[in-house]
Amino acid sequence: MRNEFRIKGFLRLLVVFFAVCSCELKEDFTNEPHSLVSSEKVVTTDQPSFSNTVVNGETPYGGRAAHTSTIFDNKMWVIGGVQNQFTYNDVWCSKDGKDWEEVTPSAPFSVRYGHAMTVADNKMWIAGGTQGNKYLNDVWFSKNGKDWMQSQKNAPFSARRWHTLASLENRMFLIGGLSDNFDVKGDVWTSSDGIQWNLITNLAPFGRRYGHATVVYDNKIWVIGGHDDSGNYLNDVWYSTNGFQWNLASVNIPFSPRRNHAITFNKTGMWLTGGIGPQNDYYDDIWFSQDGMVWEKINVKKNFPSRGYHTSVYNTNKLWILNGFSLQNGAVYYDDIWGYE
């Protein structure tokens, strides 16, 4: 009887192992060509609308996924990521999404993907990620994208990937993620200088999750969706005005549960794009919310190909969707950038 229980327990562990492994990037490279598209009219609705679609069909840095992006110094930035068996530590920037400059082909931080990024104190910051099978908990910053300094070699938070990093009033907040041995985190850490990190809570009210999306909008930190420690895909929306107390915005979110989606914002609201669903579905949708409670789907005439592990930013009056990965039509690391205005 005791052996029977041991066998059943072992089989349960195998199920969890393969379920989580199936969620990770499949490192088979397929190059899918993309054409340049401009002036695509959106479907007329009462929702916020885009009048044009602009596509950069082939970036100079190639296809990649699980990179990070931000707006800094009036430029869009792409840092690190993975493409098939190649992992990067390069840094690229662009003012218009069309012309890209390689700021450095090899930054002093190690190659990585699944890391997190934010802007605080007039600096770009990155934290954690994965280098091969090694999970990382280092912290780096740069004032110009070329020169990077390490503020922490081994931060007190556990090494992890698929976490998020946000800045509210120049205080950084590191949230959740996936640590080694499939340990899904629900903790929140904070720092004002990137050196001293303090644990706010080991388990926030929104629970353990990775592959979620985080943005600061309306003087609040928002945590949206992701994958929890029970194997559930999430579509809940949480917010905090200080990183310490958290509130559930709504339980009736119309977009489907997902992970490794992207979120960004402009002065009118938040924009959520793409991601991966419970059946390994890759999405090509765009959702908008002014308050985090009511979400509307933006129906455009020309959708970007479905994807996850991408990034998004709002710059030059456009919503930009940068690169990503999909298994929808074979393994594709996208080298395209889509701009909606």
Protein backbone atom coordinates (compact mmCIF):
# COMPACT_ATOMS: atom_id res chain seq x y z
CA MET A 1 0.00 0.00 0.00
CA ARG A 2 2.84 2.40 0.92
CA ASN A 3 4.52 1.72 -2.45
CA GLU A 4 1.24 2.40 -4.23
CA PHE A 5 0.99 5.83 -2.60
CA ARG A 6 4.60 6.58 -3.55
CA ILE A 7 3.94 5.65 -7.20
CA LYS A 8 0.82 7.82 -7.33
CA GLY A 9 2.69 10.73 -5.78
CA PHE A 10 5.50 10.34 -8.28
CA LEU A 11 3.03 10.30 -11.17
CA ARG A 12 1.44 13.53 -9.89
CA LEU A 13 4.85 15.19 -9.81
CA LEU A 14 5.47 14.07 -13.39
CA VAL A 15 2.16 15.61 -14.50
CA VAL A 16 3.06 18.93 -12.88
CA PHE A 17 6.57 18.79 -14.37
CA PHE A 18 5.36 18.24 -17.92
CA ALA A 19 2.56 20.80 -17.54
CA VAL A 20 5.02 23.49 -16.56
CA CYS A 21 7.57 22.45 -19.16
CA SER A 22 4.91 22.68 -21.86
CA CYS A 23 4.44 26.32 -20.88
CA GLU A 24 8.03 27.27 -21.67
CA LEU A 25 9.45 28.44 -24.95
CA LYS A 26 10.02 25.75 -27.54
CA GLU A 27 13.44 26.55 -28.94
CA ASP A 28 12.84 25.54 -32.57
CA PHE A 29 13.44 28.41 -34.95
CA THR A 30 11.14 29.04 -37.87
CA ASN A 31 11.44 32.25 -39.84
CA GLU A 32 8.13 33.56 -41.09
CA PRO A 33 8.25 36.49 -43.51
CA HIS A 34 6.16 39.59 -42.88
CA SER A 35 5.13 42.31 -45.26
CA LEU A 36 5.09 46.04 -44.59
CA VAL A 37 1.58 47.35 -44.01
CA SER A 38 0.40 50.94 -43.60
CA SER A 39 -2.85 52.90 -43.33
CA GLU A 40 -5.05 49.94 -42.36
CA LYS A 41 -8.49 51.25 -41.34
CA VAL A 42 -9.97 49.86 -38.15
CA VAL A 43 -13.47 48.50 -37.84
CA THR A 44 -15.83 51.28 -36.79
CA THR A 45 -16.96 50.85 -33.17
CA ASP A 46 -17.89 53.00 -30.20
CA GLN A 47 -14.68 51.87 -28.50
CA PRO A 48 -11.31 53.64 -28.65
CA SER A 49 -10.02 53.17 -32.17
CA PHE A 50 -6.84 53.24 -34.21
CA SER A 51 -6.87 54.88 -37.63
CA ASN A 52 -3.66 53.33 -38.99
CA THR A 53 -1.48 50.26 -38.68
CA VAL A 54 2.26 50.48 -39.34
CA VAL A 55 4.48 47.43 -39.50
CA ASN A 56 8.23 47.08 -39.44
CA GLY A 57 8.44 43.63 -41.00
CA GLU A 58 12.05 42.81 -40.21
CA THR A 59 14.07 44.32 -37.38
CA PRO A 60 17.89 44.44 -37.62
CA TYR A 61 18.24 42.45 -34.41
CA GLY A 62 16.14 39.58 -35.76
CA GLY A 63 13.42 37.54 -34.12
CA ARG A 64 13.33 37.15 -30.38
CA ALA A 65 11.11 36.60 -27.38
CA ALA A 66 11.11 37.01 -23.60
CA HIS A 67 13.08 40.26 -23.95
CA THR A 68 12.26 43.50 -22.11
CA SER A 69 11.22 46.91 -23.44
CA THR A 70 10.59 50.37 -22.06
CA ILE A 71 10.44 54.05 -23.01
CA PHE A 72 13.48 55.98 -21.87
CA ASP A 73 15.04 59.21 -23.16
CA ASN A 74 12.17 59.45 -25.70
CA LYS A 75 13.21 56.15 -27.30
CA MET A 76 11.96 52.59 -27.38
CA TRP A 77 14.37 50.01 -26.00
CA VAL A 78 14.78 46.26 -26.52
CA ILE A 79 17.10 44.39 -24.16
CA GLY A 80 18.14 40.73 -24.15
CA GLY A 81 15.81 37.84 -24.95
CA VAL A 82 16.03 34.48 -26.67
CA GLN A 83 15.81 33.13 -30.22
CA ASN A 84 15.99 29.38 -30.62
CA GLN A 85 19.23 28.30 -28.92
CA PHE A 86 20.63 31.84 -28.78
CA THR A 87 20.24 34.08 -25.74
CA TYR A 88 21.21 37.75 -25.85
CA ASN A 89 22.54 40.59 -23.73
CA ASP A 90 22.44 43.23 -26.46
CA VAL A 91 20.74 46.62 -26.21
CA TRP A 92 18.84 48.33 -29.05
CA CYS A 93 16.89 51.58 -29.26
CA SER A 94 14.68 53.43 -31.73
CA LYS A 95 12.86 56.75 -31.90
CA ASP A 96 10.32 55.69 -34.53
CA GLY A 97 10.08 51.87 -34.48
CA LYS A 98 11.57 51.70 -37.98
CA ASP A 99 15.24 52.63 -37.60
CA TRP A 100 17.03 50.79 -34.80
CA GLU A 101 20.44 51.51 -33.29
CA GLU A 102 22.55 48.83 -31.61
CA VAL A 103 23.66 50.65 -28.47
CA THR A 104 25.81 47.71 -27.39
CA PRO A 105 26.11 44.18 -28.81
CA SER A 106 27.16 42.77 -25.44
CA ALA A 107 26.30 44.49 -22.17
CA PRO A 108 28.29 43.56 -19.03
CA PHE A 109 25.34 41.65 -17.59
CA SER A 110 25.05 38.02 -18.65
CA VAL A 111 22.83 36.86 -21.50
CA ARG A 112 19.29 36.29 -20.30
CA TYR A 113 15.59 36.03 -21.00
CA GLY A 114 12.49 36.19 -18.83
CA HIS A 115 13.98 39.13 -16.91
CA ALA A 116 12.11 42.25 -15.78
CA MET A 117 12.64 45.94 -16.45
CA THR A 118 11.55 49.37 -15.28
CA VAL A 119 12.64 53.03 -15.23
CA ALA A 120 13.35 54.76 -11.93
CA ASP A 121 15.51 57.68 -10.83
CA ASN A 122 16.29 58.54 -14.48
CA LYS A 123 17.81 55.11 -15.04
CA MET A 124 16.81 51.89 -16.75
CA TRP A 125 16.85 48.86 -14.45
CA ILE A 126 16.79 45.12 -15.13
CA ALA A 127 16.52 42.30 -12.61
CA GLY A 128 16.73 38.51 -12.71
CA GLY A 129 15.86 36.22 -15.61
CA THR A 130 17.37 33.00 -16.92
CA GLN A 131 20.81 32.24 -18.33
CA GLY A 132 20.50 28.75 -19.76
CA ASN A 133 19.26 26.67 -16.81
CA LYS A 134 20.54 29.18 -14.27
CA TYR A 135 18.03 31.47 -12.60
CA LEU A 136 19.33 34.95 -11.78
CA ASN A 137 18.72 37.51 -9.01
CA ASP A 138 21.17 40.24 -9.99
CA VAL A 139 20.20 43.89 -10.53
CA TRP A 140 21.70 46.29 -13.11
CA PHE A 141 21.09 49.90 -14.12
CA SER A 142 22.08 52.32 -16.87
CA LYS A 143 21.71 56.05 -17.50
CA ASN A 144 22.26 55.77 -21.26
CA GLY A 145 21.73 52.14 -22.32
CA LYS A 146 25.41 51.66 -23.14
CA ASP A 147 27.11 51.82 -19.75
CA TRP A 148 25.66 49.39 -17.20
CA MET A 149 26.47 49.10 -13.50
CA GLN A 150 25.60 46.25 -11.16
CA SER A 151 23.82 47.33 -7.99
CA GLN A 152 23.30 43.80 -6.67
CA LYS A 153 25.12 40.59 -7.56
CA ASN A 154 22.85 38.44 -5.38
CA ALA A 155 19.79 40.33 -4.23
CA PRO A 156 17.90 38.97 -1.20
CA PHE A 157 14.95 37.90 -3.35
CA SER A 158 15.27 34.41 -4.82
CA ALA A 159 16.56 33.97 -8.37
CA ARG A 160 13.63 33.93 -10.79
CA ARG A 161 12.13 34.64 -14.21
CA TRP A 162 8.71 35.70 -15.58
CA HIS A 163 8.43 38.19 -12.68
CA THR A 164 7.70 41.91 -13.07
CA LEU A 165 9.41 45.12 -11.99
CA ALA A 166 7.54 48.41 -11.62
CA SER A 167 8.38 51.88 -10.36
CA LEU A 168 6.02 54.09 -8.36
CA GLU A 169 7.34 57.44 -7.15
CA ASN A 170 10.90 56.27 -7.87
CA ARG A 171 10.52 53.22 -5.64
CA MET A 172 10.89 49.90 -7.42
CA PHE A 173 8.64 46.90 -6.75
CA LEU A 174 9.58 43.36 -7.80
CA ILE A 175 6.56 41.07 -7.98
CA GLY A 176 6.14 37.28 -8.18
CA GLY A 177 7.76 35.06 -10.78
CA LEU A 178 9.01 31.51 -11.17
CA SER A 179 12.03 30.29 -9.20
CA ASP A 180 14.04 27.11 -9.59
CA ASN A 181 12.30 23.76 -8.97
CA PHE A 182 9.04 25.30 -10.27
CA ASP A 183 8.58 27.40 -7.15
CA VAL A 184 5.91 29.97 -8.04
CA LYS A 185 6.33 33.16 -6.03
CA GLY A 186 3.74 35.51 -4.57
CA ASP A 187 6.13 37.88 -2.85
CA VAL A 188 6.63 41.64 -3.27
CA TRP A 189 10.01 43.33 -2.75
CA THR A 190 10.83 47.03 -2.82
CA SER A 191 13.92 49.20 -3.23
CA SER A 192 14.64 52.89 -3.66
CA ASP A 193 18.25 52.46 -4.80
CA GLY A 194 18.57 48.96 -6.31
CA ILE A 195 20.99 47.99 -3.54
CA GLN A 196 18.83 47.57 -0.47
CA TRP A 197 15.80 45.37 -1.10
CA ASN A 198 13.11 44.88 1.53
CA LEU A 199 10.43 42.22 1.63
CA ILE A 200 6.93 43.73 1.82
CA THR A 201 5.13 40.41 1.92
CA ASN A 202 5.96 36.80 1.20
CA LEU A 203 2.46 36.19 -0.13
CA ALA A 204 0.44 39.10 -1.51
CA PRO A 205 -3.39 38.96 -1.65
CA PHE A 206 -3.23 38.22 -5.40
CA GLY A 207 -1.40 34.97 -4.66
CA ARG A 208 1.46 33.15 -6.35
CA ARG A 209 1.88 33.73 -10.07
CA TYR A 210 4.30 34.10 -12.96
CA GLY A 211 3.92 35.32 -16.53
CA HIS A 212 1.70 38.13 -15.28
CA ALA A 213 1.85 41.70 -16.53
CA THR A 214 2.46 44.82 -14.47
CA VAL A 215 2.12 48.51 -15.29
CA VAL A 216 1.98 51.78 -13.37
CA TYR A 217 -1.01 53.87 -14.42
CA ASP A 218 -3.14 56.46 -12.64
CA ASN A 219 -0.62 56.45 -9.74
CA LYS A 220 -1.31 52.78 -9.12
CA ILE A 221 0.60 49.52 -9.70
CA TRP A 222 -1.50 47.03 -11.64
CA VAL A 223 -0.98 43.24 -11.67
CA ILE A 224 -2.91 41.43 -14.39
CA GLY A 225 -3.32 37.74 -15.23
CA GLY A 226 -0.59 35.12 -15.27
CA HIS A 227 -0.22 31.47 -14.21
CA ASP A 228 -0.60 30.37 -10.59
CA ASP A 229 0.96 27.58 -8.54
CA SER A 230 -2.06 25.29 -9.10
CA GLY A 231 -1.73 25.38 -12.89
CA ASN A 232 -4.53 27.90 -13.41
CA TYR A 233 -4.41 30.64 -16.02
CA LEU A 234 -5.64 33.94 -14.64
CA ASN A 235 -7.47 37.04 -15.89
CA ASP A 236 -7.88 38.91 -12.64
CA VAL A 237 -6.84 42.55 -12.17
CA TRP A 238 -5.29 43.87 -8.94
CA TYR A 239 -4.01 47.32 -8.03
CA SER A 240 -2.14 49.13 -5.28
CA THR A 241 -1.50 52.80 -4.59
CA ASN A 242 1.62 52.06 -2.52
CA GLY A 243 2.78 48.49 -3.22
CA PHE A 244 1.74 47.39 0.27
CA GLN A 245 -2.07 47.22 0.23
CA TRP A 246 -3.64 45.45 -2.75
CA ASN A 247 -7.22 45.57 -4.06
CA LEU A 248 -9.10 43.42 -6.53
CA ALA A 249 -10.37 45.68 -9.32
CA SER A 250 -12.92 43.32 -10.84
CA VAL A 251 -13.89 39.65 -11.04
CA ASN A 252 -15.77 40.01 -14.34
CA ILE A 253 -12.93 40.65 -16.77
CA PRO A 254 -14.03 39.87 -20.36
CA PHE A 255 -10.65 38.85 -21.78
CA SER A 256 -9.71 35.18 -21.45
CA PRO A 257 -7.21 33.94 -18.85
CA ARG A 258 -3.62 34.19 -20.08
CA ARG A 259 0.07 34.43 -19.29
CA ASN A 260 3.10 36.09 -20.88
CA HIS A 261 0.96 38.84 -22.35
CA ALA A 262 1.99 42.52 -22.44
CA ILE A 263 0.57 45.66 -20.87
CA THR A 264 1.35 49.32 -21.43
CA PHE A 265 -0.39 52.66 -20.97
CA ASN A 266 -0.91 56.19 -22.22
CA LYS A 267 -2.74 59.14 -20.68
CA THR A 268 -6.14 57.67 -21.58
CA GLY A 269 -5.75 54.15 -20.19
CA MET A 270 -4.10 50.73 -20.22
CA TRP A 271 -3.57 48.52 -23.26
CA LEU A 272 -3.27 44.73 -22.97
CA THR A 273 -2.11 42.63 -25.92
CA GLY A 274 -1.68 38.97 -26.82
CA GLY A 275 -0.51 36.22 -24.51
CA ILE A 276 -0.99 32.47 -24.13
CA GLY A 277 -4.09 30.63 -22.95
CA PRO A 278 -4.73 27.32 -21.13
CA GLN A 279 -4.81 25.23 -24.30
CA ASN A 280 -1.56 26.75 -25.55
CA ASP A 281 -3.67 29.25 -27.50
CA TYR A 282 -1.73 32.28 -28.69
CA TYR A 283 -3.78 35.48 -28.84
CA ASP A 284 -3.78 38.43 -31.25
CA ASP A 285 -6.22 40.65 -29.37
CA ILE A 286 -5.99 44.18 -27.96
CA TRP A 287 -7.91 45.27 -24.85
CA PHE A 288 -8.31 48.74 -23.35
CA SER A 289 -9.35 50.01 -19.93
CA GLN A 290 -9.58 53.48 -18.41
CA ASP A 291 -10.04 52.27 -14.85
CA GLY A 292 -8.92 48.62 -14.66
CA MET A 293 -12.48 47.46 -14.03
CA VAL A 294 -14.15 47.88 -17.42
CA TRP A 295 -12.22 46.38 -20.36
CA GLU A 296 -13.13 46.77 -24.04
CA LYS A 297 -11.81 44.77 -26.95
CA ILE A 298 -10.37 46.88 -29.78
CA ASN A 299 -11.46 45.42 -33.09
CA VAL A 300 -8.91 46.31 -35.75
CA LYS A 301 -8.99 45.35 -39.40
CA LYS A 302 -5.37 44.18 -39.41
CA ASN A 303 -4.35 42.13 -36.41
CA PHE A 304 -0.78 41.30 -35.51
CA PRO A 305 -0.09 37.53 -35.73
CA SER A 306 -0.94 35.78 -32.47
CA ARG A 307 1.92 35.63 -29.96
CA GLY A 308 3.17 35.65 -26.38
CA TYR A 309 6.51 36.52 -24.77
CA HIS A 310 6.36 39.88 -26.59
CA THR A 311 6.59 43.40 -25.20
CA SER A 312 4.55 46.55 -25.75
CA VAL A 313 5.09 50.27 -25.24
CA TYR A 314 3.15 53.43 -26.04
CA ASN A 315 5.26 56.04 -27.84
CA THR A 316 4.86 58.71 -30.56
CA ASN A 317 1.06 58.37 -30.22
CA LYS A 318 1.21 54.70 -31.17
CA LEU A 319 0.71 51.43 -29.39
CA TRP A 320 3.76 49.33 -30.28
CA ILE A 321 3.90 45.51 -30.13
CA LEU A 322 7.45 44.22 -30.33
CA ASN A 323 8.47 40.74 -31.45
CA GLY A 324 7.44 37.61 -29.48
CA PHE A 325 6.93 33.89 -30.01
CA SER A 326 4.17 31.57 -31.17
CA LEU A 327 3.49 27.88 -31.69
CA GLN A 328 0.24 28.62 -33.55
CA ASN A 329 1.69 27.82 -36.98
CA GLY A 330 4.96 26.17 -36.06
CA ALA A 331 7.57 27.65 -33.75
CA VAL A 332 8.06 31.29 -34.78
CA TYR A 333 10.29 33.91 -33.19
CA TYR A 334 8.84 37.10 -34.61
CA ASP A 335 11.12 39.79 -36.02
CA ASP A 336 8.28 42.24 -36.66
CA ILE A 337 7.08 45.35 -34.84
CA TRP A 338 3.49 46.59 -35.09
CA GLY A 339 2.38 50.14 -34.42
CA TYR A 340 -1.28 51.15 -33.98
CA GLU A 341 -2.26 54.84 -33.99
